[in-house]
Amino acid sequence: MPLFVMVQINAAILRASGAARPYADSRPLAIESVHLDPPGAGEVLVAIRAAGLCHSDLSVIDGNRPRPLPMALGHEAAGVVEALGPGVDDLKPGDRVVMVFMPSCGGCLPCATGRPALCEPGAAANGRGELLAGGRRLHDAAGDLHHHLGCSAFADKAVVSRRSLVRVPDDLPFEHAALFGCAVLTGVGAVVNTAGVRAGQSVAVVGLGGVGLAAVLGALAAGAAPVVAVDLSGDKLALARSLGPVLTVNAGDPDAVDQVRALTGGGAEVVLEMAGSIRALEAAWKMTRRGGLTVTAGLPPPDAALAVNIVSLVGEERTLKGSYIGTCVPSRDVPRYVELFRQGRLPVDRLLTRTIGLADINAAFDDLADGRTVRTVVTF
């Protein structure tokens, strides 16, 4: 057995939420040298090569989704296996892996019924800022540091549960591989798993961040027609049009809902809300036709609530459905989506706005908050 020892790593640490904008000045994320324990039973040491900036990270920084602090942020990442803890025998050093931000225990009721995205022990561990096996592997001079969604990937190395990893082909570029762990799983999965979109169905996507544009890619790959993309940003609408036969509507237009309903012959059969906004979800509900399905994968603040007209819910046989991590089975879906990417049918690389170094992460979150980027990826 190899002898593992604690190592020093550089990581982006959040010690307090709610810092004033711009983050380039207030610098809520401090790049610190911290201690990382060796991998325990069922755990893996991963050398991070790329980590994407996501609104789920931003919502912790701005305080919209409270998490236990201090915390090492980052949850959408790819890297290389460096060392294995006891009991991990299906990976080897040098394997290329993608991180998934919901570890699945394999034994709770959701896992046993094929819904690992809803793993109960995994959700509890994530809420406590711990790894699936319990406890924390990150420390500084003052004590333990919390893990972000079992990953803490804004760092040059991380110890994670084996159940947070999916192996991917060795020729998949790290900056593209990282996107499969969150944006692609969530966006494409919401289309094909949660909504079960079929060829020829009309689909509208509201909110064109990384997840929303991934949903557009998923709808195109599934053969949906027409596909309508809705956002406030002209640049993002132009990007959506460049991905394929996509119609676009500016969400700021007073008649945006009517435009979508006209383009889809009375409302889309499936409307996916990806903005994390109650106003966007209300619009998505209105864009959905009679008998249609409205799916929300956005995560607004925890106290946000939606008022639904029950008469239309019943009388029009409408469905409102949540989607978490695209109702995914990561060990099944990541390889499938990667293969579609390799075939050119799911051009995930189009979601990548730019790559940066870890030192530039605060300013990059300003760009994300202002809607100037789709996916920025930190590379190591």
Protein backbone atom coordinates (compact mmCIF):
# COMPACT_ATOMS: atom_id res chain seq x y z
CA MET A 1 0.00 0.00 0.00
CA PRO A 2 1.35 3.47 -0.82
CA LEU A 3 1.93 5.77 2.13
CA PHE A 4 -0.27 8.85 1.84
CA VAL A 5 0.61 12.09 3.58
CA MET A 6 -1.12 15.43 3.98
CA VAL A 7 -0.23 17.88 1.19
CA GLN A 8 -0.34 21.64 0.76
CA ILE A 9 -2.58 22.95 -2.00
CA ASN A 10 -3.72 26.32 -3.28
CA ALA A 11 -7.49 26.81 -3.11
CA ALA A 12 -10.07 29.60 -3.46
CA ILE A 13 -11.57 30.02 0.02
CA LEU A 14 -14.78 31.89 0.81
CA ARG A 15 -14.90 33.07 4.43
CA ALA A 16 -17.95 35.36 4.29
CA SER A 17 -20.88 35.72 1.87
CA GLY A 18 -22.42 38.94 0.65
CA ALA A 19 -19.32 40.90 -0.32
CA ALA A 20 -19.89 44.18 -2.16
CA ARG A 21 -19.52 44.29 -5.93
CA PRO A 22 -17.30 44.49 -7.85
CA TYR A 23 -15.69 41.28 -6.63
CA ALA A 24 -12.48 42.28 -8.39
CA ASP A 25 -12.12 44.88 -5.60
CA SER A 26 -13.76 43.20 -2.59
CA ARG A 27 -12.12 39.81 -3.41
CA PRO A 28 -14.48 37.45 -1.54
CA LEU A 29 -12.42 34.47 -2.72
CA ALA A 30 -8.93 34.38 -1.24
CA ILE A 31 -6.32 32.14 -2.85
CA GLU A 32 -4.78 30.41 0.16
CA SER A 33 -2.35 27.60 0.87
CA VAL A 34 -4.24 25.00 2.89
CA HIS A 35 -3.76 21.43 4.08
CA LEU A 36 -5.39 18.51 2.24
CA ASP A 37 -5.66 15.11 3.92
CA PRO A 38 -4.88 11.92 2.00
CA PRO A 39 -7.86 10.04 0.54
CA GLY A 40 -9.69 7.82 2.99
CA ALA A 41 -11.61 4.64 2.27
CA GLY A 42 -13.61 5.00 -0.94
CA GLU A 43 -11.98 8.33 -1.79
CA VAL A 44 -9.70 9.61 -4.54
CA LEU A 45 -7.06 12.31 -4.76
CA VAL A 46 -7.55 14.24 -8.01
CA ALA A 47 -5.18 16.74 -9.58
CA ILE A 48 -7.59 19.39 -10.91
CA ARG A 49 -6.91 20.53 -14.46
CA ALA A 50 -10.03 22.63 -15.18
CA ALA A 51 -12.93 24.01 -13.14
CA GLY A 52 -15.92 25.98 -14.46
CA LEU A 53 -17.54 29.02 -12.86
CA CYS A 54 -21.26 28.42 -12.30
CA HIS A 55 -24.16 30.37 -10.81
CA SER A 56 -24.28 27.77 -8.04
CA ASP A 57 -20.87 29.07 -6.94
CA LEU A 58 -22.00 32.68 -7.37
CA SER A 59 -25.10 32.08 -5.24
CA VAL A 60 -22.86 31.07 -2.32
CA ILE A 61 -20.63 34.11 -2.82
CA ASP A 62 -23.55 36.56 -2.91
CA GLY A 63 -25.41 34.84 -0.07
CA ASN A 64 -28.48 33.69 -2.01
CA ARG A 65 -27.76 30.06 -1.12
CA PRO A 66 -26.25 29.95 2.36
CA ARG A 67 -23.58 27.31 2.94
CA PRO A 68 -21.42 26.57 5.99
CA LEU A 69 -18.30 28.72 5.93
CA PRO A 70 -15.37 28.91 5.54
CA MET A 71 -15.62 26.86 2.36
CA ALA A 72 -13.40 25.95 -0.58
CA LEU A 73 -15.64 26.62 -3.59
CA GLY A 74 -15.94 24.95 -6.99
CA HIS A 75 -18.03 22.00 -8.15
CA GLU A 76 -17.77 21.67 -11.97
CA ALA A 77 -14.39 20.18 -12.77
CA ALA A 78 -12.19 17.65 -14.51
CA GLY A 79 -8.79 16.31 -13.58
CA VAL A 80 -6.46 13.34 -13.29
CA VAL A 81 -6.49 10.63 -10.66
CA GLU A 82 -3.36 10.98 -8.56
CA ALA A 83 -3.93 8.51 -5.70
CA LEU A 84 -6.57 6.03 -4.52
CA GLY A 85 -7.87 5.45 -1.04
CA PRO A 86 -8.52 1.96 0.33
CA GLY A 87 -11.30 0.10 -1.47
CA VAL A 88 -11.12 1.99 -4.76
CA ASP A 89 -10.20 -0.59 -7.38
CA ASP A 90 -11.97 0.59 -10.54
CA LEU A 91 -9.78 3.63 -11.19
CA LYS A 92 -6.02 4.00 -11.52
CA PRO A 93 -3.55 6.88 -11.31
CA GLY A 94 -3.55 8.79 -14.58
CA ASP A 95 -7.22 8.22 -15.36
CA ARG A 96 -9.06 11.32 -16.57
CA VAL A 97 -12.22 12.03 -14.56
CA VAL A 98 -15.13 14.45 -14.35
CA MET A 99 -16.52 15.51 -10.97
CA VAL A 100 -20.25 15.27 -10.25
CA PHE A 101 -21.55 17.52 -7.47
CA MET A 102 -24.02 15.03 -6.00
CA PRO A 103 -22.34 11.85 -4.76
CA SER A 104 -24.66 8.85 -4.74
CA CYS A 105 -24.49 6.31 -1.92
CA GLY A 106 -26.13 3.54 -3.98
CA GLY A 107 -28.23 2.30 -1.07
CA CYS A 108 -30.91 4.89 -0.20
CA LEU A 109 -34.38 4.71 -1.76
CA PRO A 110 -33.72 7.28 -4.54
CA CYS A 111 -30.46 5.55 -5.49
CA ALA A 112 -32.08 2.12 -5.38
CA THR A 113 -34.88 3.29 -7.68
CA GLY A 114 -32.53 4.77 -10.28
CA ARG A 115 -32.58 8.40 -9.12
CA PRO A 116 -29.05 9.01 -7.78
CA ALA A 117 -29.38 12.77 -8.31
CA LEU A 118 -31.71 12.70 -5.28
CA CYS A 119 -29.37 10.66 -3.05
CA GLU A 120 -30.36 11.39 0.54
CA PRO A 121 -26.98 10.82 2.26
CA GLY A 122 -25.30 12.74 -0.56
CA ALA A 123 -27.61 15.71 -0.12
CA ALA A 124 -27.09 15.65 3.66
CA ALA A 125 -23.30 15.55 3.29
CA ASN A 126 -23.38 18.41 0.77
CA GLY A 127 -25.51 20.48 3.13
CA ARG A 128 -22.99 19.97 5.94
CA GLY A 129 -20.04 20.78 3.70
CA GLU A 130 -18.62 17.28 4.16
CA LEU A 131 -17.64 14.39 1.93
CA LEU A 132 -19.99 11.44 1.53
CA ALA A 133 -18.14 9.33 4.11
CA GLY A 134 -18.40 12.16 6.63
CA GLY A 135 -15.95 14.78 7.81
CA ARG A 136 -13.69 17.24 6.03
CA ARG A 137 -10.32 16.77 4.39
CA LEU A 138 -9.37 20.45 4.15
CA HIS A 139 -7.78 22.42 7.00
CA ASP A 140 -5.98 25.62 7.81
CA ALA A 141 -4.31 26.83 10.98
CA ALA A 142 -7.71 27.68 12.50
CA GLY A 143 -9.39 24.33 11.83
CA ASP A 144 -11.48 22.53 9.23
CA LEU A 145 -12.63 24.03 5.93
CA HIS A 146 -15.92 22.96 4.36
CA HIS A 147 -16.21 21.22 1.01
CA HIS A 148 -18.43 22.70 -1.71
CA LEU A 149 -20.83 20.01 -2.95
CA GLY A 150 -18.28 17.30 -2.26
CA CYS A 151 -15.81 18.76 -4.77
CA SER A 152 -14.06 22.04 -3.75
CA ALA A 153 -12.61 22.20 -7.22
CA PHE A 154 -11.20 25.74 -7.32
CA ALA A 155 -7.93 24.22 -6.19
CA ASP A 156 -4.97 22.45 -7.72
CA LYS A 157 -5.90 19.21 -5.94
CA ALA A 158 -8.99 17.76 -4.23
CA VAL A 159 -9.96 14.65 -2.30
CA VAL A 160 -13.44 13.49 -3.27
CA SER A 161 -15.62 10.42 -2.90
CA ARG A 162 -15.21 7.83 -5.63
CA ARG A 163 -18.96 8.28 -6.06
CA SER A 164 -18.37 11.87 -7.17
CA LEU A 165 -16.30 10.82 -10.19
CA VAL A 166 -16.95 9.53 -13.71
CA ARG A 167 -14.08 8.38 -15.91
CA VAL A 168 -13.88 10.00 -19.35
CA PRO A 169 -11.71 9.38 -22.44
CA ASP A 170 -8.07 10.45 -22.24
CA ASP A 171 -8.35 12.65 -25.34
CA LEU A 172 -11.23 14.79 -24.02
CA PRO A 173 -9.79 18.28 -23.38
CA PHE A 174 -9.97 19.18 -19.70
CA GLU A 175 -11.59 22.58 -20.32
CA HIS A 176 -14.42 20.83 -22.18
CA ALA A 177 -14.59 17.82 -19.87
CA ALA A 178 -15.26 20.05 -16.86
CA LEU A 179 -18.52 21.31 -18.40
CA PHE A 180 -20.01 17.82 -18.43
CA GLY A 181 -20.08 17.71 -14.62
CA CYS A 182 -22.70 20.45 -14.21
CA ALA A 183 -23.79 22.54 -17.22
CA VAL A 184 -24.18 19.61 -19.60
CA LEU A 185 -25.60 17.11 -17.11
CA THR A 186 -28.12 19.68 -15.89
CA GLY A 187 -29.11 21.26 -19.20
CA VAL A 188 -29.09 18.28 -21.55
CA GLY A 189 -30.44 16.02 -18.80
CA ALA A 190 -33.41 18.31 -18.19
CA VAL A 191 -34.33 17.91 -21.85
CA VAL A 192 -33.82 14.19 -22.36
CA ASN A 193 -34.37 12.79 -18.85
CA THR A 194 -36.73 15.13 -16.99
CA ALA A 195 -38.81 16.29 -19.95
CA GLY A 196 -38.31 13.25 -22.19
CA VAL A 197 -38.38 15.50 -25.28
CA ARG A 198 -39.22 13.61 -28.48
CA ALA A 199 -38.37 14.44 -32.07
CA GLY A 200 -40.72 17.06 -33.47
CA GLN A 201 -41.86 18.48 -30.14
CA SER A 202 -41.75 22.25 -29.69
CA VAL A 203 -39.34 23.40 -26.97
CA ALA A 204 -38.59 26.81 -25.48
CA VAL A 205 -35.63 27.50 -23.19
CA VAL A 206 -35.76 30.55 -20.90
CA GLY A 207 -32.36 31.71 -19.65
CA LEU A 208 -29.21 31.18 -21.69
CA GLY A 209 -26.40 30.71 -19.23
CA GLY A 210 -24.27 27.60 -19.45
CA VAL A 211 -27.12 25.33 -18.36
CA GLY A 212 -29.70 27.00 -20.62
CA LEU A 213 -27.49 26.84 -23.69
CA ALA A 214 -26.71 23.21 -22.88
CA ALA A 215 -30.48 22.64 -22.86
CA VAL A 216 -30.68 24.24 -26.31
CA LEU A 217 -28.00 21.81 -27.49
CA GLY A 218 -29.94 18.94 -25.93
CA ALA A 219 -33.18 19.99 -27.58
CA LEU A 220 -31.48 20.17 -30.98
CA ALA A 221 -29.85 16.77 -30.46
CA ALA A 222 -33.22 15.30 -29.50
CA GLY A 223 -34.78 16.57 -32.75
CA ALA A 224 -37.10 19.14 -31.18
CA ALA A 225 -38.71 21.59 -33.60
CA PRO A 226 -39.09 24.43 -33.29
CA VAL A 227 -36.55 25.31 -30.60
CA VAL A 228 -37.01 28.81 -29.18
CA ALA A 229 -34.35 30.45 -26.98
CA VAL A 230 -35.29 33.34 -24.66
CA ASP A 231 -32.89 35.69 -22.87
CA LEU A 232 -32.19 39.36 -22.18
CA SER A 233 -28.73 39.27 -23.76
CA GLY A 234 -28.44 39.90 -27.48
CA ASP A 235 -25.02 38.19 -27.50
CA LYS A 236 -26.42 35.02 -25.94
CA LEU A 237 -29.36 35.02 -28.33
CA ALA A 238 -26.91 35.29 -31.22
CA LEU A 239 -24.88 32.40 -29.81
CA ALA A 240 -28.06 30.31 -29.53
CA ARG A 241 -28.88 30.99 -33.20
CA SER A 242 -25.37 29.93 -34.20
CA LEU A 243 -25.86 26.50 -32.62
CA GLY A 244 -28.46 25.36 -35.15
CA PRO A 245 -32.03 26.04 -36.28
CA VAL A 246 -32.98 28.09 -33.22
CA LEU A 247 -35.55 30.89 -33.06
CA THR A 248 -34.92 33.61 -30.49
CA VAL A 249 -36.97 36.06 -28.43
CA ASN A 250 -35.62 38.86 -26.27
CA ALA A 251 -37.04 38.42 -22.77
CA GLY A 252 -37.11 42.18 -22.34
CA ASP A 253 -39.73 42.64 -25.05
CA PRO A 254 -43.14 43.46 -23.52
CA ASP A 255 -44.76 40.80 -25.71
CA ALA A 256 -42.07 38.12 -25.24
CA VAL A 257 -44.60 35.53 -24.04
CA ASP A 258 -46.89 36.21 -26.99
CA GLN A 259 -43.93 35.92 -29.38
CA VAL A 260 -43.04 32.48 -28.06
CA ARG A 261 -46.65 31.34 -28.23
CA ALA A 262 -46.90 32.56 -31.83
CA LEU A 263 -43.66 30.85 -32.86
CA THR A 264 -44.84 27.56 -31.36
CA GLY A 265 -48.44 27.60 -32.56
CA GLY A 266 -50.12 28.44 -29.27
CA GLY A 267 -47.37 27.66 -26.76
CA ALA A 268 -44.47 25.24 -26.59
CA GLU A 269 -45.09 21.65 -25.59
CA VAL A 270 -42.06 21.79 -23.30
CA VAL A 271 -40.67 24.97 -21.73
CA LEU A 272 -37.50 24.83 -19.66
CA GLU A 273 -36.71 27.63 -17.19
CA MET A 274 -32.95 27.89 -16.53
CA ALA A 275 -32.59 31.44 -15.20
CA GLY A 276 -33.19 30.84 -11.49
CA SER A 277 -35.74 33.66 -11.42
CA ILE A 278 -39.39 33.60 -10.37
CA ARG A 279 -40.23 36.10 -13.13
CA ALA A 280 -38.58 33.80 -15.65
CA LEU A 281 -40.51 30.81 -14.29
CA GLU A 282 -43.79 32.73 -14.45
CA ALA A 283 -43.03 33.60 -18.08
CA ALA A 284 -42.11 29.99 -18.84
CA TRP A 285 -45.44 28.83 -17.38
CA LYS A 286 -47.31 31.28 -19.63
CA MET A 287 -45.32 30.14 -22.68
CA THR A 288 -46.42 26.52 -22.17
CA ARG A 289 -49.36 25.26 -24.21
CA ARG A 290 -52.41 23.39 -22.88
CA GLY A 291 -51.40 19.91 -21.81
CA GLY A 292 -47.74 20.96 -21.84
CA LEU A 293 -44.83 20.55 -19.47
CA THR A 294 -42.93 23.33 -17.71
CA VAL A 295 -39.57 22.24 -16.29
CA THR A 296 -37.49 24.37 -13.95
CA ALA A 297 -33.83 23.70 -13.25
CA GLY A 298 -33.04 27.22 -12.04
CA LEU A 299 -32.29 27.74 -8.35
CA PRO A 300 -33.68 31.06 -7.05
CA PRO A 301 -33.15 32.11 -3.42
CA PRO A 302 -34.60 29.54 -0.97
CA ASP A 303 -37.46 31.82 0.12
CA ALA A 304 -38.71 32.41 -3.45
CA ALA A 305 -42.22 31.09 -4.15
CA LEU A 306 -44.40 30.68 -7.24
CA ALA A 307 -48.16 31.25 -7.38
CA VAL A 308 -49.87 28.86 -9.81
CA ASN A 309 -53.43 29.16 -11.08
CA ILE A 310 -54.90 25.82 -10.04
CA VAL A 311 -57.79 26.04 -12.50
CA SER A 312 -55.35 26.17 -15.43
CA LEU A 313 -53.23 23.44 -13.84
CA VAL A 314 -56.25 21.13 -13.72
CA GLY A 315 -58.41 22.32 -16.60
CA GLU A 316 -55.49 22.44 -19.05
CA GLU A 317 -53.77 19.33 -17.68
CA ARG A 318 -50.57 21.26 -17.19
CA THR A 319 -47.44 19.86 -15.52
CA LEU A 320 -44.83 21.79 -13.54
CA LYS A 321 -41.75 19.74 -12.77
CA GLY A 322 -38.40 20.33 -11.10
CA SER A 323 -35.15 18.98 -12.48
CA TYR A 324 -32.04 18.54 -10.35
CA ILE A 325 -28.79 17.73 -12.16
CA GLY A 326 -30.94 16.82 -15.14
CA THR A 327 -32.49 13.80 -13.36
CA CYS A 328 -29.19 12.19 -14.27
CA VAL A 329 -27.51 8.88 -13.70
CA PRO A 330 -23.95 10.20 -14.00
CA SER A 331 -22.26 6.87 -14.79
CA ARG A 332 -24.72 6.42 -17.66
CA ASP A 333 -25.23 9.97 -18.89
CA VAL A 334 -21.72 11.47 -18.86
CA PRO A 335 -20.33 8.82 -21.25
CA ARG A 336 -23.37 9.19 -23.52
CA TYR A 337 -23.07 12.96 -23.72
CA VAL A 338 -19.31 12.77 -24.23
CA GLU A 339 -19.85 10.39 -27.16
CA LEU A 340 -22.39 12.79 -28.69
CA PHE A 341 -19.81 15.56 -28.31
CA ARG A 342 -17.16 13.45 -30.03
CA GLN A 343 -19.60 12.79 -32.88
CA GLY A 344 -20.21 16.53 -33.31
CA ARG A 345 -23.87 16.24 -32.31
CA LEU A 346 -23.48 18.03 -28.97
CA PRO A 347 -20.96 20.88 -29.46
CA VAL A 348 -20.29 21.53 -25.79
CA ASP A 349 -17.11 23.43 -26.65
CA ARG A 350 -19.32 26.30 -27.90
CA LEU A 351 -20.31 27.00 -24.28
CA LEU A 352 -16.73 27.86 -23.29
CA THR A 353 -16.23 31.63 -23.22
CA ARG A 354 -12.61 31.68 -22.03
CA THR A 355 -10.04 30.13 -19.71
CA ILE A 356 -8.34 31.97 -16.84
CA GLY A 357 -5.89 31.38 -14.03
CA LEU A 358 -7.01 30.96 -10.43
CA ALA A 359 -5.73 34.44 -9.54
CA ASP A 360 -8.36 36.00 -11.85
CA ILE A 361 -11.36 34.22 -10.34
CA ASN A 362 -12.93 37.17 -8.49
CA ALA A 363 -13.10 39.38 -11.57
CA ALA A 364 -14.45 36.43 -13.55
CA PHE A 365 -17.37 36.14 -11.12
CA ASP A 366 -18.19 39.80 -11.83
CA ASP A 367 -18.50 38.89 -15.50
CA LEU A 368 -20.72 35.91 -14.66
CA ALA A 369 -22.95 38.01 -12.41
CA ASP A 370 -23.33 40.62 -15.15
CA GLY A 371 -24.21 38.02 -17.79
CA ARG A 372 -21.13 38.73 -19.91
CA THR A 373 -19.97 35.11 -20.05
CA VAL A 374 -21.48 31.68 -20.57
CA ARG A 375 -18.77 29.49 -19.06
CA THR A 376 -15.40 30.68 -17.82
CA VAL A 377 -13.06 27.85 -16.87
CA VAL A 378 -10.12 28.06 -14.48
CA THR A 379 -7.24 25.93 -15.79
CA PHE A 380 -4.38 24.55 -13.72
